Amino acid sequence: MDIENLVKRKNLKLTTARMEILEKLLHASRPLCYDELKNGISMDKATFYRNITKFEDKMIVNSFESNDKKRYFELNQPLHAHFICVICDKIECIKEPLDFNLKGYSIENIILKGKCKKCNQI
């Protein structure tokens, strides 16, 4: 994914702060919260959330709240489920296709909760 072109297509200016956030999300294997994203980026919390809000408005980034009451962010991608373990709070992107076709509804996010594979063996 070319971040520079993505931001330009959404009519946003590519600032250093925006580039840092998007680079971290691009290379993440799962959604990340602010505490995980703040390491290695040079901006204050207000700047971070101002940019994240802009990204969500422009549909560049999706977010959801987890069991730990933190907001998690990922680059906008085709609809997929997220699994949150109720024991260890681990978050995983579920890559297997799940059919949640509900007539008359528009689904934006699918959150599944339960015990992850590791916690299920305990």
C-alpha atoms as a PDB file:
ATOM      1  CA  MET A   1       0.000   0.000   0.000  1.00  0.00           C
ATOM      2  CA  ASP A   2       1.313   3.404  -0.972  1.00  0.00           C
ATOM      3  CA  ILE A   3       0.549   5.699   1.972  1.00  0.00           C
ATOM      4  CA  GLU A   4       1.407   8.886   0.101  1.00  0.00           C
ATOM      5  CA  ASN A   5      -1.108   8.193  -2.688  1.00  0.00           C
ATOM      6  CA  LEU A   6      -3.748   7.007  -0.220  1.00  0.00           C
ATOM      7  CA  VAL A   7      -3.561  10.263   1.734  1.00  0.00           C
ATOM      8  CA  LYS A   8      -3.578  12.363  -1.446  1.00  0.00           C
ATOM      9  CA  ARG A   9      -6.654  10.503  -2.782  1.00  0.00           C
ATOM     10  CA  LYS A  10      -8.447  11.420   0.435  1.00  0.00           C
ATOM     11  CA  ASN A  11      -7.503  15.113  -0.023  1.00  0.00           C
ATOM     12  CA  LEU A  12      -5.304  15.239   3.067  1.00  0.00           C
ATOM     13  CA  LYS A  13      -1.894  16.778   3.518  1.00  0.00           C
ATOM     14  CA  LEU A  14       0.788  14.182   4.283  1.00  0.00           C
ATOM     15  CA  THR A  15       2.469  15.403   7.458  1.00  0.00           C
ATOM     16  CA  THR A  16       5.237  13.642   9.365  1.00  0.00           C
ATOM     17  CA  ALA A  17       2.780  12.770  12.147  1.00  0.00           C
ATOM     18  CA  ARG A  18       0.308  11.229   9.709  1.00  0.00           C
ATOM     19  CA  MET A  19       3.042   9.274   7.957  1.00  0.00           C
ATOM     20  CA  GLU A  20       4.321   7.883  11.285  1.00  0.00           C
ATOM     21  CA  ILE A  21       0.867   6.686  12.356  1.00  0.00           C
ATOM     22  CA  LEU A  22       0.026   5.110   8.998  1.00  0.00           C
ATOM     23  CA  GLU A  23       3.435   3.408   8.687  1.00  0.00           C
ATOM     24  CA  LYS A  24       2.981   1.736  12.080  1.00  0.00           C
ATOM     25  CA  LEU A  25      -0.539   0.602  11.205  1.00  0.00           C
ATOM     26  CA  LEU A  26       0.591  -0.635   7.798  1.00  0.00           C
ATOM     27  CA  HIS A  27       3.223  -2.924   9.331  1.00  0.00           C
ATOM     28  CA  ALA A  28       1.071  -4.160  12.225  1.00  0.00           C
ATOM     29  CA  SER A  29      -0.289  -7.699  12.105  1.00  0.00           C
ATOM     30  CA  ARG A  30      -3.256  -6.762  14.315  1.00  0.00           C
ATOM     31  CA  PRO A  31      -5.102  -3.654  15.499  1.00  0.00           C
ATOM     32  CA  LEU A  32      -3.083  -1.427  17.847  1.00  0.00           C
ATOM     33  CA  CYS A  33      -4.108   0.903  20.684  1.00  0.00           C
ATOM     34  CA  TYR A  34      -2.612   4.326  21.399  1.00  0.00           C
ATOM     35  CA  ASP A  35      -0.221   2.877  24.011  1.00  0.00           C
ATOM     36  CA  GLU A  36       1.198   0.498  21.402  1.00  0.00           C
ATOM     37  CA  LEU A  37       1.333   3.147  18.673  1.00  0.00           C
ATOM     38  CA  LYS A  38       2.916   5.941  20.741  1.00  0.00           C
ATOM     39  CA  ASN A  39       6.273   4.162  20.968  1.00  0.00           C
ATOM     40  CA  GLY A  40       8.388   5.341  18.080  1.00  0.00           C
ATOM     41  CA  ILE A  41       6.197   8.258  17.012  1.00  0.00           C
ATOM     42  CA  SER A  42       7.065  11.849  17.812  1.00  0.00           C
ATOM     43  CA  MET A  43       3.795  13.560  18.661  1.00  0.00           C
ATOM     44  CA  ASP A  44       1.668  14.304  21.688  1.00  0.00           C
ATOM     45  CA  LYS A  45      -1.587  12.519  22.486  1.00  0.00           C
ATOM     46  CA  ALA A  46      -3.779  15.375  21.212  1.00  0.00           C
ATOM     47  CA  THR A  47      -2.027  15.383  17.820  1.00  0.00           C
ATOM     48  CA  PHE A  48      -2.361  11.618  17.605  1.00  0.00           C
ATOM     49  CA  TYR A  49      -6.107  11.641  18.265  1.00  0.00           C
ATOM     50  CA  ARG A  50      -6.712  14.630  15.989  1.00  0.00           C
ATOM     51  CA  ASN A  51      -5.064  12.716  13.131  1.00  0.00           C
ATOM     52  CA  ILE A  52      -6.780   9.407  13.952  1.00  0.00           C
ATOM     53  CA  THR A  53     -10.157  11.168  13.972  1.00  0.00           C
ATOM     54  CA  LYS A  54      -9.388  12.659  10.547  1.00  0.00           C
ATOM     55  CA  PHE A  55      -8.346   9.199   9.266  1.00  0.00           C
ATOM     56  CA  GLU A  56     -11.598   7.685  10.532  1.00  0.00           C
ATOM     57  CA  ASP A  57     -13.651  10.488   8.951  1.00  0.00           C
ATOM     58  CA  LYS A  58     -11.898   9.835   5.620  1.00  0.00           C
ATOM     59  CA  MET A  59     -12.307   6.042   6.035  1.00  0.00           C
ATOM     60  CA  ILE A  60      -8.571   5.384   6.071  1.00  0.00           C
ATOM     61  CA  VAL A  61      -8.645   3.821   9.548  1.00  0.00           C
ATOM     62  CA  ASN A  62     -11.189   1.677  11.415  1.00  0.00           C
ATOM     63  CA  SER A  63     -11.398   1.394  15.183  1.00  0.00           C
ATOM     64  CA  PHE A  64     -13.203  -0.500  17.926  1.00  0.00           C
ATOM     65  CA  GLU A  65     -13.175  -0.687  21.710  1.00  0.00           C
ATOM     66  CA  SER A  66     -11.912  -3.819  23.444  1.00  0.00           C
ATOM     67  CA  ASN A  67     -12.461  -5.429  26.851  1.00  0.00           C
ATOM     68  CA  ASP A  68      -9.742  -3.249  28.342  1.00  0.00           C
ATOM     69  CA  LYS A  69     -11.754  -0.101  27.404  1.00  0.00           C
ATOM     70  CA  LYS A  70      -8.999   0.969  24.991  1.00  0.00           C
ATOM     71  CA  ARG A  71      -9.679   1.933  21.392  1.00  0.00           C
ATOM     72  CA  TYR A  72      -7.836  -0.162  18.789  1.00  0.00           C
ATOM     73  CA  PHE A  73      -6.995   1.052  15.291  1.00  0.00           C
ATOM     74  CA  GLU A  74      -6.175  -0.573  11.960  1.00  0.00           C
ATOM     75  CA  LEU A  75      -6.009   0.505   8.346  1.00  0.00           C
ATOM     76  CA  ASN A  76      -9.337   0.223   6.576  1.00  0.00           C
ATOM     77  CA  GLN A  77      -9.529  -3.149   4.870  1.00  0.00           C
ATOM     78  CA  PRO A  78     -12.243  -5.510   3.696  1.00  0.00           C
ATOM     79  CA  LEU A  79     -14.715  -6.449   6.407  1.00  0.00           C
ATOM     80  CA  HIS A  80     -13.329  -9.127   8.704  1.00  0.00           C
ATOM     81  CA  ALA A  81     -13.952 -10.257  12.263  1.00  0.00           C
ATOM     82  CA  HIS A  82     -11.818  -9.532  15.304  1.00  0.00           C
ATOM     83  CA  PHE A  83     -11.530 -12.062  18.107  1.00  0.00           C
ATOM     84  CA  ILE A  84     -10.953 -10.775  21.642  1.00  0.00           C
ATOM     85  CA  CYS A  85      -9.950 -13.265  24.317  1.00  0.00           C
ATOM     86  CA  VAL A  86     -11.905 -12.766  27.552  1.00  0.00           C
ATOM     87  CA  ILE A  87      -9.013 -14.257  29.553  1.00  0.00           C
ATOM     88  CA  CYS A  88      -5.789 -12.686  28.198  1.00  0.00           C
ATOM     89  CA  ASP A  89      -7.353  -9.773  26.195  1.00  0.00           C
ATOM     90  CA  LYS A  90      -5.395 -10.797  23.075  1.00  0.00           C
ATOM     91  CA  ILE A  91      -6.870  -9.391  19.858  1.00  0.00           C
ATOM     92  CA  GLU A  92      -6.647 -11.297  16.588  1.00  0.00           C
ATOM     93  CA  CYS A  93      -7.864 -10.564  13.079  1.00  0.00           C
ATOM     94  CA  ILE A  94      -9.882 -13.522  11.823  1.00  0.00           C
ATOM     95  CA  LYS A  95      -8.906 -14.156   8.226  1.00  0.00           C
ATOM     96  CA  GLU A  96     -11.329 -17.029   7.645  1.00  0.00           C
ATOM     97  CA  PRO A  97     -14.433 -15.877   5.801  1.00  0.00           C
ATOM     98  CA  LEU A  98     -17.463 -15.542   8.067  1.00  0.00           C
ATOM     99  CA  ASP A  99     -20.866 -15.010   6.506  1.00  0.00           C
ATOM    100  CA  PHE A 100     -22.736 -12.343   8.438  1.00  0.00           C
ATOM    101  CA  ASN A 101     -25.216 -11.414   5.762  1.00  0.00           C
ATOM    102  CA  LEU A 102     -28.170  -9.838   7.561  1.00  0.00           C
ATOM    103  CA  LYS A 103     -30.969  -8.654   5.306  1.00  0.00           C
ATOM    104  CA  GLY A 104     -31.517  -4.911   5.656  1.00  0.00           C
ATOM    105  CA  TYR A 105     -28.393  -4.339   7.787  1.00  0.00           C
ATOM    106  CA  SER A 106     -25.065  -2.762   6.942  1.00  0.00           C
ATOM    107  CA  ILE A 107     -22.281  -4.334   9.002  1.00  0.00           C
ATOM    108  CA  GLU A 108     -19.244  -2.199   9.819  1.00  0.00           C
ATOM    109  CA  ASN A 109     -17.522  -4.277  12.478  1.00  0.00           C
ATOM    110  CA  ILE A 110     -17.616  -7.874  13.741  1.00  0.00           C
ATOM    111  CA  ILE A 111     -16.275  -8.533  17.242  1.00  0.00           C
ATOM    112  CA  LEU A 112     -16.163 -12.093  18.533  1.00  0.00           C
ATOM    113  CA  LYS A 113     -15.367 -12.765  22.194  1.00  0.00           C
ATOM    114  CA  GLY A 114     -14.382 -15.969  23.870  1.00  0.00           C
ATOM    115  CA  LYS A 115     -11.262 -17.893  24.854  1.00  0.00           C
ATOM    116  CA  CYS A 116      -8.332 -17.854  22.422  1.00  0.00           C
ATOM    117  CA  LYS A 117      -6.652 -21.110  21.395  1.00  0.00           C
ATOM    118  CA  LYS A 118      -3.984 -20.757  24.094  1.00  0.00           C
ATOM    119  CA  CYS A 119      -6.371 -19.893  26.956  1.00  0.00           C
ATOM    120  CA  ASN A 120      -8.802 -22.592  25.823  1.00  0.00           C
ATOM    121  CA  GLN A 121      -6.121 -25.247  26.553  1.00  0.00           C
ATOM    122  CA  ILE A 122      -5.753 -24.160  30.185  1.00  0.00           C
END
